[in-house]
Amino acid sequence: MHAHPHEPPVEIRLSEAERIALAYHRAAHGNAWTALVRAVEDALADLAEAERRTMQRDRLISRGYIRGGVPVARASTAS
């Protein structure tokens, strides 16, 4: 039994990827190419944002080492 023409039967459980693909397909009013392009655009935007955040975090870590300095190990004087 189908609730809508572009939906799987109610008794079928979709994976997360399938649910996302179905949402894009619906948003594109059944146009598979448009749905695919929008999904790829969103994925690329998310990847670019993740890379930007990683680079920002790495810069902050580097600055922290420079500001804090590297502790110099001192030789023990106890003999």
C-alpha atoms as a PDB file:
ATOM      1  CA  MET A   1       0.000   0.000   0.000  1.00  0.00           C
ATOM      2  CA  HIS A   2       1.440   3.382  -1.041  1.00  0.00           C
ATOM      3  CA  ALA A   3       0.550   6.557   0.792  1.00  0.00           C
ATOM      4  CA  HIS A   4       1.860   8.679  -2.095  1.00  0.00           C
ATOM      5  CA  PRO A   5       3.006   7.671  -5.575  1.00  0.00           C
ATOM      6  CA  HIS A   6       6.663   8.456  -4.836  1.00  0.00           C
ATOM      7  CA  GLU A   7       6.781   6.777  -1.431  1.00  0.00           C
ATOM      8  CA  PRO A   8       7.702   3.201  -0.613  1.00  0.00           C
ATOM      9  CA  PRO A   9       5.127   0.909   0.973  1.00  0.00           C
ATOM     10  CA  VAL A  10       4.515   1.660   4.634  1.00  0.00           C
ATOM     11  CA  GLU A  11       5.932  -1.691   5.788  1.00  0.00           C
ATOM     12  CA  ILE A  12       9.373  -1.012   4.250  1.00  0.00           C
ATOM     13  CA  ARG A  13      11.925   0.607   6.568  1.00  0.00           C
ATOM     14  CA  LEU A  14      14.226   3.030   4.788  1.00  0.00           C
ATOM     15  CA  SER A  15      17.837   3.649   5.644  1.00  0.00           C
ATOM     16  CA  GLU A  16      18.925   7.158   6.601  1.00  0.00           C
ATOM     17  CA  ALA A  17      20.407   7.682   3.126  1.00  0.00           C
ATOM     18  CA  GLU A  18      17.163   6.550   1.505  1.00  0.00           C
ATOM     19  CA  ARG A  19      15.096   8.893   3.703  1.00  0.00           C
ATOM     20  CA  ILE A  20      17.367  11.815   2.761  1.00  0.00           C
ATOM     21  CA  ALA A  21      17.198  10.909  -0.947  1.00  0.00           C
ATOM     22  CA  LEU A  22      13.408  10.687  -0.741  1.00  0.00           C
ATOM     23  CA  ALA A  23      13.236  14.113   0.920  1.00  0.00           C
ATOM     24  CA  TYR A  24      15.351  15.639  -1.867  1.00  0.00           C
ATOM     25  CA  HIS A  25      13.225  13.860  -4.488  1.00  0.00           C
ATOM     26  CA  ARG A  26      10.041  15.249  -2.955  1.00  0.00           C
ATOM     27  CA  ALA A  27      11.504  18.760  -2.663  1.00  0.00           C
ATOM     28  CA  ALA A  28      12.413  18.593  -6.354  1.00  0.00           C
ATOM     29  CA  HIS A  29       8.805  17.590  -7.167  1.00  0.00           C
ATOM     30  CA  GLY A  30       9.883  14.208  -8.509  1.00  0.00           C
ATOM     31  CA  ASN A  31      12.712  15.494 -10.706  1.00  0.00           C
ATOM     32  CA  ALA A  32      15.530  13.046  -9.967  1.00  0.00           C
ATOM     33  CA  TRP A  33      18.276  15.112 -11.648  1.00  0.00           C
ATOM     34  CA  THR A  34      17.364  18.254  -9.697  1.00  0.00           C
ATOM     35  CA  ALA A  35      17.236  16.240  -6.467  1.00  0.00           C
ATOM     36  CA  LEU A  36      20.676  14.765  -7.131  1.00  0.00           C
ATOM     37  CA  VAL A  37      22.221  18.144  -7.983  1.00  0.00           C
ATOM     38  CA  ARG A  38      20.793  19.748  -4.832  1.00  0.00           C
ATOM     39  CA  ALA A  39      21.999  16.872  -2.652  1.00  0.00           C
ATOM     40  CA  VAL A  40      25.512  17.147  -4.110  1.00  0.00           C
ATOM     41  CA  GLU A  41      25.492  20.947  -3.694  1.00  0.00           C
ATOM     42  CA  ASP A  42      24.501  20.569  -0.035  1.00  0.00           C
ATOM     43  CA  ALA A  43      27.122  17.879   0.551  1.00  0.00           C
ATOM     44  CA  LEU A  44      29.852  20.044  -0.992  1.00  0.00           C
ATOM     45  CA  ALA A  45      28.772  23.050   1.075  1.00  0.00           C
ATOM     46  CA  ASP A  46      28.858  20.936   4.251  1.00  0.00           C
ATOM     47  CA  LEU A  47      32.302  19.595   3.329  1.00  0.00           C
ATOM     48  CA  ALA A  48      33.638  23.109   2.696  1.00  0.00           C
ATOM     49  CA  GLU A  49      32.277  24.270   6.069  1.00  0.00           C
ATOM     50  CA  ALA A  50      33.841  21.289   7.850  1.00  0.00           C
ATOM     51  CA  GLU A  51      37.189  22.014   6.191  1.00  0.00           C
ATOM     52  CA  ARG A  52      36.950  25.690   7.164  1.00  0.00           C
ATOM     53  CA  ARG A  53      36.258  24.768  10.784  1.00  0.00           C
ATOM     54  CA  THR A  54      39.134  22.283  10.832  1.00  0.00           C
ATOM     55  CA  MET A  55      41.557  24.875   9.476  1.00  0.00           C
ATOM     56  CA  GLN A  56      40.316  27.431  12.007  1.00  0.00           C
ATOM     57  CA  ARG A  57      40.738  24.939  14.852  1.00  0.00           C
ATOM     58  CA  ASP A  58      44.234  24.033  13.661  1.00  0.00           C
ATOM     59  CA  ARG A  59      45.236  27.713  13.586  1.00  0.00           C
ATOM     60  CA  LEU A  60      43.936  28.195  17.125  1.00  0.00           C
ATOM     61  CA  ILE A  61      45.874  25.162  18.339  1.00  0.00           C
ATOM     62  CA  SER A  62      49.055  26.437  16.665  1.00  0.00           C
ATOM     63  CA  ARG A  63      48.640  29.881  18.243  1.00  0.00           C
ATOM     64  CA  GLY A  64      48.128  28.267  21.629  1.00  0.00           C
ATOM     65  CA  TYR A  65      51.450  26.445  21.368  1.00  0.00           C
ATOM     66  CA  ILE A  66      53.237  29.607  20.283  1.00  0.00           C
ATOM     67  CA  ARG A  67      51.725  31.733  23.061  1.00  0.00           C
ATOM     68  CA  GLY A  68      52.197  29.116  25.734  1.00  0.00           C
ATOM     69  CA  GLY A  69      55.666  28.154  24.641  1.00  0.00           C
ATOM     70  CA  VAL A  70      57.060  24.698  24.923  1.00  0.00           C
ATOM     71  CA  PRO A  71      58.189  23.830  28.440  1.00  0.00           C
ATOM     72  CA  VAL A  72      61.884  23.094  28.586  1.00  0.00           C
ATOM     73  CA  ALA A  73      62.770  19.909  30.424  1.00  0.00           C
ATOM     74  CA  ARG A  74      65.263  20.674  33.170  1.00  0.00           C
ATOM     75  CA  ALA A  75      67.896  18.205  34.210  1.00  0.00           C
ATOM     76  CA  SER A  76      67.456  16.904  37.709  1.00  0.00           C
ATOM     77  CA  THR A  77      70.014  18.270  40.171  1.00  0.00           C
ATOM     78  CA  ALA A  78      69.361  15.573  42.745  1.00  0.00           C
ATOM     79  CA  SER A  79      72.258  13.080  42.670  1.00  0.00           C
END
